[in-house]
Amino acid sequence: MKNKSLVNDYIIRAEHRLAAVNVLVQRKSWADVVRESQEIVELCLKALLRSAKIAVPQIHDVGKILKEEISKLPKKAQPHVAKLAKISHKLRRDRELAFYGSEDLTPSDFYEQKDGESAFEEATWVYRTVASIIK
């Protein structure tokens, strides 16, 4: 965790992704909205961990780590940990499926408007919450 500029980089990149996902919402590309929303959440949560000098593993869902290390997180983050972890876990489940699909599932047919809108709303909340805590 020697690269301190990663915290800001993760938040800036998450903000750029939010703008990109807004375009995907307008185009009703719900599978892509779900996938990209997961990446926003992942970047934000890893920025939060790094800001607290907590080792960040190369995994997509760091919700468990947030819960385990809650006492090391900024005080303003602690009340939000359960919700942050829940969102991370939920979107992580859909990460590969929303992108690749499977033999019996085509992402563009499977993911609906409610899925995309929910994922985007959650990603937006995570971004705003984390950005306000670490800035």
N, C-alpha and C. Protein backbone atom coordinates (compact mmCIF):
# COMPACT_ATOMS: atom_id res chain seq x y z
N MET A 1 0.81 -1.18 0.00
CA MET A 1 0.00 0.00 0.00
C MET A 1 0.87 1.25 0.00
N LYS A 2 1.87 1.23 -0.82
CA LYS A 2 2.78 2.37 -0.89
C LYS A 2 2.30 3.44 -1.85
N ASN A 3 1.43 3.07 -2.77
CA ASN A 3 0.96 4.02 -3.77
C ASN A 3 -0.28 4.74 -3.26
N LYS A 4 -0.08 5.87 -2.61
CA LYS A 4 -1.19 6.61 -2.00
C LYS A 4 -2.10 7.26 -3.04
N SER A 5 -1.61 7.46 -4.24
CA SER A 5 -2.44 8.10 -5.26
C SER A 5 -3.53 7.16 -5.80
N LEU A 6 -3.44 5.88 -5.46
CA LEU A 6 -4.47 4.94 -5.92
C LEU A 6 -5.85 5.27 -5.36
N VAL A 7 -5.92 5.76 -4.14
CA VAL A 7 -7.22 6.10 -3.54
C VAL A 7 -7.94 7.11 -4.43
N ASN A 8 -7.26 8.19 -4.75
CA ASN A 8 -7.88 9.21 -5.61
C ASN A 8 -8.15 8.68 -7.01
N ASP A 9 -7.23 7.90 -7.54
CA ASP A 9 -7.41 7.34 -8.87
C ASP A 9 -8.65 6.46 -8.93
N TYR A 10 -8.85 5.62 -7.92
CA TYR A 10 -10.02 4.74 -7.90
C TYR A 10 -11.32 5.55 -7.88
N ILE A 11 -11.35 6.62 -7.08
CA ILE A 11 -12.55 7.44 -6.98
C ILE A 11 -12.82 8.19 -8.29
N ILE A 12 -11.77 8.73 -8.88
CA ILE A 12 -11.94 9.45 -10.16
C ILE A 12 -12.43 8.49 -11.24
N ARG A 13 -11.84 7.30 -11.28
CA ARG A 13 -12.26 6.33 -12.30
C ARG A 13 -13.69 5.84 -12.06
N ALA A 14 -14.07 5.72 -10.79
CA ALA A 14 -15.46 5.35 -10.48
C ALA A 14 -16.41 6.44 -10.96
N GLU A 15 -16.02 7.69 -10.77
CA GLU A 15 -16.85 8.80 -11.23
C GLU A 15 -17.00 8.79 -12.75
N HIS A 16 -15.92 8.51 -13.46
CA HIS A 16 -16.00 8.41 -14.93
C HIS A 16 -16.92 7.27 -15.34
N ARG A 17 -16.83 6.16 -14.63
CA ARG A 17 -17.69 5.02 -14.95
C ARG A 17 -19.16 5.36 -14.70
N LEU A 18 -19.43 6.14 -13.67
CA LEU A 18 -20.82 6.55 -13.43
C LEU A 18 -21.38 7.29 -14.65
N ALA A 19 -20.58 8.18 -15.20
CA ALA A 19 -21.02 8.91 -16.39
C ALA A 19 -21.23 7.95 -17.56
N ALA A 20 -20.34 6.98 -17.71
CA ALA A 20 -20.47 6.01 -18.79
C ALA A 20 -21.71 5.13 -18.59
N VAL A 21 -21.96 4.73 -17.37
CA VAL A 21 -23.11 3.88 -17.09
C VAL A 21 -24.41 4.65 -17.33
N ASN A 22 -24.39 5.93 -17.11
CA ASN A 22 -25.56 6.74 -17.41
C ASN A 22 -25.93 6.63 -18.89
N VAL A 23 -24.94 6.57 -19.75
CA VAL A 23 -25.19 6.36 -21.19
C VAL A 23 -25.80 4.98 -21.41
N LEU A 24 -25.28 3.98 -20.73
CA LEU A 24 -25.82 2.62 -20.86
C LEU A 24 -27.26 2.55 -20.37
N VAL A 25 -27.58 3.30 -19.32
CA VAL A 25 -28.97 3.38 -18.84
C VAL A 25 -29.85 3.97 -19.93
N GLN A 26 -29.41 5.06 -20.53
CA GLN A 26 -30.19 5.71 -21.58
C GLN A 26 -30.42 4.76 -22.76
N ARG A 27 -29.45 3.90 -23.02
CA ARG A 27 -29.56 2.94 -24.13
C ARG A 27 -30.26 1.66 -23.73
N LYS A 28 -30.63 1.56 -22.45
CA LYS A 28 -31.34 0.40 -21.92
C LYS A 28 -30.53 -0.90 -22.08
N SER A 29 -29.24 -0.78 -21.90
CA SER A 29 -28.35 -1.94 -21.96
C SER A 29 -28.15 -2.47 -20.54
N TRP A 30 -29.19 -3.13 -20.02
CA TRP A 30 -29.26 -3.45 -18.59
C TRP A 30 -28.17 -4.39 -18.12
N ALA A 31 -27.79 -5.36 -18.91
CA ALA A 31 -26.70 -6.26 -18.50
C ALA A 31 -25.40 -5.48 -18.32
N ASP A 32 -25.14 -4.57 -19.22
CA ASP A 32 -23.92 -3.76 -19.12
C ASP A 32 -23.99 -2.79 -17.93
N VAL A 33 -25.18 -2.30 -17.65
CA VAL A 33 -25.36 -1.42 -16.48
C VAL A 33 -25.01 -2.19 -15.21
N VAL A 34 -25.49 -3.42 -15.11
CA VAL A 34 -25.20 -4.24 -13.93
C VAL A 34 -23.70 -4.50 -13.81
N ARG A 35 -23.08 -4.90 -14.89
CA ARG A 35 -21.64 -5.21 -14.86
C ARG A 35 -20.82 -3.98 -14.48
N GLU A 36 -21.05 -2.88 -15.14
CA GLU A 36 -20.26 -1.68 -14.88
C GLU A 36 -20.55 -1.10 -13.49
N SER A 37 -21.77 -1.26 -13.02
CA SER A 37 -22.09 -0.81 -11.66
C SER A 37 -21.27 -1.59 -10.64
N GLN A 38 -21.07 -2.86 -10.88
CA GLN A 38 -20.24 -3.66 -9.98
C GLN A 38 -18.82 -3.11 -9.94
N GLU A 39 -18.29 -2.72 -11.07
CA GLU A 39 -16.93 -2.19 -11.11
C GLU A 39 -16.83 -0.87 -10.35
N ILE A 40 -17.86 -0.05 -10.43
CA ILE A 40 -17.89 1.21 -9.67
C ILE A 40 -17.82 0.91 -8.18
N VAL A 41 -18.64 -0.02 -7.74
CA VAL A 41 -18.66 -0.39 -6.32
C VAL A 41 -17.31 -0.94 -5.89
N GLU A 42 -16.74 -1.80 -6.69
CA GLU A 42 -15.44 -2.39 -6.36
C GLU A 42 -14.36 -1.32 -6.22
N LEU A 43 -14.30 -0.41 -7.16
CA LEU A 43 -13.30 0.66 -7.08
C LEU A 43 -13.49 1.52 -5.83
N CYS A 44 -14.73 1.88 -5.55
CA CYS A 44 -15.01 2.72 -4.39
C CYS A 44 -14.64 2.03 -3.08
N LEU A 45 -15.01 0.78 -2.95
CA LEU A 45 -14.73 0.08 -1.71
C LEU A 45 -13.24 -0.18 -1.53
N LYS A 46 -12.55 -0.43 -2.60
CA LYS A 46 -11.09 -0.60 -2.50
C LYS A 46 -10.42 0.74 -2.17
N ALA A 47 -10.97 1.83 -2.66
CA ALA A 47 -10.45 3.15 -2.29
C ALA A 47 -10.66 3.38 -0.79
N LEU A 48 -11.82 3.01 -0.28
CA LEU A 48 -12.09 3.17 1.15
C LEU A 48 -11.12 2.35 1.98
N LEU A 49 -10.88 1.10 1.60
CA LEU A 49 -9.93 0.26 2.33
C LEU A 49 -8.53 0.86 2.29
N ARG A 50 -8.10 1.27 1.11
CA ARG A 50 -6.76 1.86 0.97
C ARG A 50 -6.62 3.13 1.80
N SER A 51 -7.67 3.93 1.84
CA SER A 51 -7.62 5.18 2.60
C SER A 51 -7.42 4.90 4.09
N ALA A 52 -7.85 3.72 4.54
CA ALA A 52 -7.70 3.32 5.94
C ALA A 52 -6.45 2.46 6.15
N LYS A 53 -5.62 2.36 5.10
CA LYS A 53 -4.38 1.59 5.15
C LYS A 53 -4.62 0.10 5.43
N ILE A 54 -5.70 -0.41 4.86
CA ILE A 54 -6.05 -1.83 4.97
C ILE A 54 -5.65 -2.49 3.66
N ALA A 55 -4.97 -3.62 3.75
CA ALA A 55 -4.53 -4.35 2.56
C ALA A 55 -5.74 -4.71 1.70
N VAL A 56 -5.58 -4.49 0.41
CA VAL A 56 -6.66 -4.74 -0.54
C VAL A 56 -6.31 -5.96 -1.38
N PRO A 57 -7.05 -7.05 -1.18
CA PRO A 57 -6.78 -8.26 -1.97
C PRO A 57 -7.30 -8.11 -3.40
N GLN A 58 -6.81 -8.95 -4.26
CA GLN A 58 -7.26 -8.91 -5.65
C GLN A 58 -8.47 -9.83 -5.82
N ILE A 59 -9.56 -9.40 -5.20
CA ILE A 59 -10.84 -10.08 -5.33
C ILE A 59 -11.88 -9.00 -5.66
N HIS A 60 -13.02 -9.42 -6.15
CA HIS A 60 -14.03 -8.45 -6.58
C HIS A 60 -14.96 -7.99 -5.46
N ASP A 61 -15.21 -8.85 -4.48
CA ASP A 61 -16.11 -8.49 -3.38
C ASP A 61 -15.30 -8.34 -2.10
N VAL A 62 -15.14 -7.11 -1.65
CA VAL A 62 -14.37 -6.86 -0.43
C VAL A 62 -15.28 -6.56 0.77
N GLY A 63 -16.55 -6.87 0.64
CA GLY A 63 -17.50 -6.61 1.71
C GLY A 63 -17.14 -7.28 3.02
N LYS A 64 -16.68 -8.51 2.94
CA LYS A 64 -16.29 -9.25 4.14
C LYS A 64 -15.14 -8.55 4.85
N ILE A 65 -14.22 -8.02 4.09
CA ILE A 65 -13.07 -7.31 4.67
C ILE A 65 -13.52 -6.03 5.35
N LEU A 66 -14.46 -5.32 4.72
CA LEU A 66 -15.02 -4.12 5.35
C LEU A 66 -15.58 -4.46 6.73
N LYS A 67 -16.32 -5.56 6.81
CA LYS A 67 -16.92 -5.95 8.08
C LYS A 67 -15.86 -6.36 9.11
N GLU A 68 -14.86 -7.11 8.64
CA GLU A 68 -13.81 -7.57 9.55
C GLU A 68 -12.95 -6.43 10.08
N GLU A 69 -12.76 -5.40 9.26
CA GLU A 69 -11.86 -4.30 9.60
C GLU A 69 -12.61 -3.01 9.95
N ILE A 70 -13.86 -3.13 10.33
CA ILE A 70 -14.70 -1.95 10.55
C ILE A 70 -14.07 -0.95 11.52
N SER A 71 -13.39 -1.44 12.53
CA SER A 71 -12.81 -0.52 13.52
C SER A 71 -11.68 0.33 12.96
N LYS A 72 -11.08 -0.10 11.86
CA LYS A 72 -9.99 0.65 11.23
C LYS A 72 -10.49 1.67 10.22
N LEU A 73 -11.75 1.55 9.84
CA LEU A 73 -12.32 2.47 8.85
C LEU A 73 -12.62 3.81 9.49
N PRO A 74 -12.70 4.87 8.67
CA PRO A 74 -13.08 6.17 9.22
C PRO A 74 -14.43 6.07 9.94
N LYS A 75 -14.58 6.81 11.01
CA LYS A 75 -15.82 6.78 11.81
C LYS A 75 -17.06 7.05 10.95
N LYS A 76 -16.92 7.95 9.98
CA LYS A 76 -18.07 8.27 9.11
C LYS A 76 -18.47 7.09 8.22
N ALA A 77 -17.56 6.15 8.00
CA ALA A 77 -17.86 5.00 7.15
C ALA A 77 -18.55 3.88 7.92
N GLN A 78 -18.25 3.76 9.19
CA GLN A 78 -18.69 2.61 9.97
C GLN A 78 -20.20 2.36 9.96
N PRO A 79 -21.04 3.39 10.04
CA PRO A 79 -22.49 3.12 10.01
C PRO A 79 -22.98 2.56 8.68
N HIS A 80 -22.19 2.70 7.64
CA HIS A 80 -22.59 2.27 6.29
C HIS A 80 -22.04 0.91 5.89
N VAL A 81 -21.21 0.31 6.72
CA VAL A 81 -20.50 -0.90 6.33
C VAL A 81 -21.44 -2.04 5.95
N ALA A 82 -22.48 -2.28 6.71
CA ALA A 82 -23.39 -3.38 6.39
C ALA A 82 -24.01 -3.20 5.01
N LYS A 83 -24.45 -1.99 4.70
CA LYS A 83 -25.07 -1.73 3.39
C LYS A 83 -24.03 -1.81 2.28
N LEU A 84 -22.85 -1.27 2.51
CA LEU A 84 -21.78 -1.34 1.51
C LEU A 84 -21.43 -2.79 1.19
N ALA A 85 -21.31 -3.61 2.24
CA ALA A 85 -20.96 -5.02 2.05
C ALA A 85 -22.08 -5.77 1.32
N LYS A 86 -23.31 -5.46 1.65
CA LYS A 86 -24.45 -6.12 1.01
C LYS A 86 -24.50 -5.81 -0.49
N ILE A 87 -24.30 -4.56 -0.83
CA ILE A 87 -24.30 -4.15 -2.24
C ILE A 87 -23.14 -4.82 -2.98
N SER A 88 -21.97 -4.83 -2.36
CA SER A 88 -20.80 -5.45 -2.98
C SER A 88 -21.06 -6.92 -3.28
N HIS A 89 -21.61 -7.62 -2.31
CA HIS A 89 -21.88 -9.06 -2.46
C HIS A 89 -22.92 -9.30 -3.56
N LYS A 90 -23.97 -8.52 -3.55
CA LYS A 90 -25.05 -8.69 -4.54
C LYS A 90 -24.54 -8.48 -5.96
N LEU A 91 -23.81 -7.39 -6.17
CA LEU A 91 -23.34 -7.11 -7.53
C LEU A 91 -22.23 -8.06 -7.96
N ARG A 92 -21.44 -8.55 -7.01
CA ARG A 92 -20.38 -9.51 -7.34
C ARG A 92 -20.98 -10.79 -7.92
N ARG A 93 -22.11 -11.20 -7.41
CA ARG A 93 -22.75 -12.42 -7.92
C ARG A 93 -23.07 -12.31 -9.40
N ASP A 94 -23.38 -11.10 -9.84
CA ASP A 94 -23.80 -10.90 -11.23
C ASP A 94 -22.66 -10.51 -12.17
N ARG A 95 -21.48 -10.29 -11.64
CA ARG A 95 -20.36 -9.75 -12.42
C ARG A 95 -20.12 -10.53 -13.72
N GLU A 96 -19.80 -11.80 -13.62
CA GLU A 96 -19.49 -12.59 -14.82
C GLU A 96 -20.74 -12.91 -15.64
N LEU A 97 -21.82 -13.21 -14.96
CA LEU A 97 -23.06 -13.55 -15.67
C LEU A 97 -23.54 -12.40 -16.54
N ALA A 98 -23.46 -11.19 -16.01
CA ALA A 98 -23.91 -10.02 -16.77
C ALA A 98 -23.01 -9.75 -17.96
N PHE A 99 -21.77 -10.18 -17.88
CA PHE A 99 -20.83 -9.91 -18.96
C PHE A 99 -20.79 -11.05 -19.99
N TYR A 100 -20.64 -12.28 -19.49
CA TYR A 100 -20.45 -13.42 -20.40
C TYR A 100 -21.71 -14.22 -20.68
N GLY A 101 -22.63 -14.24 -19.72
CA GLY A 101 -23.78 -15.12 -19.86
C GLY A 101 -23.36 -16.55 -19.62
N SER A 102 -24.18 -17.47 -20.09
CA SER A 102 -23.86 -18.89 -19.99
C SER A 102 -24.63 -19.61 -21.08
N GLU A 103 -24.44 -20.91 -21.15
CA GLU A 103 -25.12 -21.68 -22.20
C GLU A 103 -26.63 -21.53 -22.15
N ASP A 104 -27.16 -21.33 -20.95
CA ASP A 104 -28.60 -21.23 -20.82
C ASP A 104 -29.08 -19.82 -20.46
N LEU A 105 -28.20 -18.82 -20.61
CA LEU A 105 -28.59 -17.47 -20.25
C LEU A 105 -27.87 -16.45 -21.14
N THR A 106 -28.64 -15.62 -21.78
CA THR A 106 -28.11 -14.53 -22.58
C THR A 106 -28.32 -13.24 -21.78
N PRO A 107 -27.22 -12.55 -21.43
CA PRO A 107 -27.34 -11.39 -20.54
C PRO A 107 -28.36 -10.35 -20.98
N SER A 108 -28.39 -10.03 -22.26
CA SER A 108 -29.31 -8.99 -22.73
C SER A 108 -30.78 -9.40 -22.62
N ASP A 109 -31.03 -10.69 -22.59
CA ASP A 109 -32.39 -11.18 -22.41
C ASP A 109 -32.74 -11.34 -20.93
N PHE A 110 -31.75 -11.63 -20.11
CA PHE A 110 -31.96 -11.93 -18.70
C PHE A 110 -32.15 -10.69 -17.84
N TYR A 111 -31.26 -9.72 -18.00
CA TYR A 111 -31.31 -8.53 -17.15
C TYR A 111 -32.36 -7.55 -17.66
N GLU A 112 -33.19 -7.10 -16.74
CA GLU A 112 -34.29 -6.21 -17.08
C GLU A 112 -34.03 -4.81 -16.53
N GLN A 113 -34.91 -3.92 -16.88
CA GLN A 113 -34.79 -2.52 -16.46
C GLN A 113 -34.65 -2.40 -14.95
N LYS A 114 -35.46 -3.12 -14.20
CA LYS A 114 -35.40 -3.01 -12.74
C LYS A 114 -34.03 -3.45 -12.21
N ASP A 115 -33.41 -4.44 -12.85
CA ASP A 115 -32.08 -4.89 -12.43
C ASP A 115 -31.05 -3.80 -12.67
N GLY A 116 -31.08 -3.23 -13.85
CA GLY A 116 -30.12 -2.18 -14.20
C GLY A 116 -30.31 -0.93 -13.36
N GLU A 117 -31.55 -0.50 -13.20
CA GLU A 117 -31.81 0.70 -12.42
C GLU A 117 -31.40 0.52 -10.96
N SER A 118 -31.66 -0.66 -10.42
CA SER A 118 -31.27 -0.94 -9.04
C SER A 118 -29.75 -0.93 -8.89
N ALA A 119 -29.06 -1.58 -9.81
CA ALA A 119 -27.59 -1.63 -9.76
C ALA A 119 -26.99 -0.23 -9.89
N PHE A 120 -27.53 0.57 -10.79
CA PHE A 120 -27.02 1.93 -10.98
C PHE A 120 -27.28 2.80 -9.76
N GLU A 121 -28.46 2.66 -9.19
CA GLU A 121 -28.81 3.42 -7.98
C GLU A 121 -27.86 3.05 -6.83
N GLU A 122 -27.61 1.76 -6.67
CA GLU A 122 -26.71 1.30 -5.60
C GLU A 122 -25.28 1.79 -5.84
N ALA A 123 -24.82 1.69 -7.07
CA ALA A 123 -23.46 2.14 -7.39
C ALA A 123 -23.32 3.65 -7.15
N THR A 124 -24.35 4.39 -7.51
CA THR A 124 -24.33 5.84 -7.29
C THR A 124 -24.27 6.15 -5.80
N TRP A 125 -25.06 5.44 -5.01
CA TRP A 125 -25.04 5.64 -3.55
C TRP A 125 -23.67 5.30 -2.97
N VAL A 126 -23.09 4.18 -3.41
CA VAL A 126 -21.77 3.78 -2.91
C VAL A 126 -20.74 4.85 -3.27
N TYR A 127 -20.76 5.30 -4.51
CA TYR A 127 -19.81 6.33 -4.92
C TYR A 127 -19.96 7.59 -4.06
N ARG A 128 -21.16 8.09 -3.95
CA ARG A 128 -21.38 9.34 -3.19
C ARG A 128 -20.98 9.16 -1.72
N THR A 129 -21.32 8.02 -1.15
CA THR A 129 -21.00 7.77 0.25
C THR A 129 -19.49 7.71 0.47
N VAL A 130 -18.83 6.91 -0.33
CA VAL A 130 -17.38 6.73 -0.16
C VAL A 130 -16.63 8.02 -0.50
N ALA A 131 -17.01 8.67 -1.58
CA ALA A 131 -16.32 9.91 -1.97
C ALA A 131 -16.43 10.96 -0.88
N SER A 132 -17.60 11.05 -0.24
CA SER A 132 -17.77 12.05 0.82
C SER A 132 -16.94 11.70 2.06
N ILE A 133 -16.69 10.44 2.26
CA ILE A 133 -15.91 10.01 3.43
C ILE A 133 -14.42 10.23 3.24
N ILE A 134 -13.92 9.94 2.05
CA ILE A 134 -12.46 9.98 1.88
C ILE A 134 -11.95 11.29 1.33
N LYS A 135 -12.83 12.18 0.89
CA LYS A 135 -12.36 13.46 0.36
C LYS A 135 -12.17 14.46 1.46
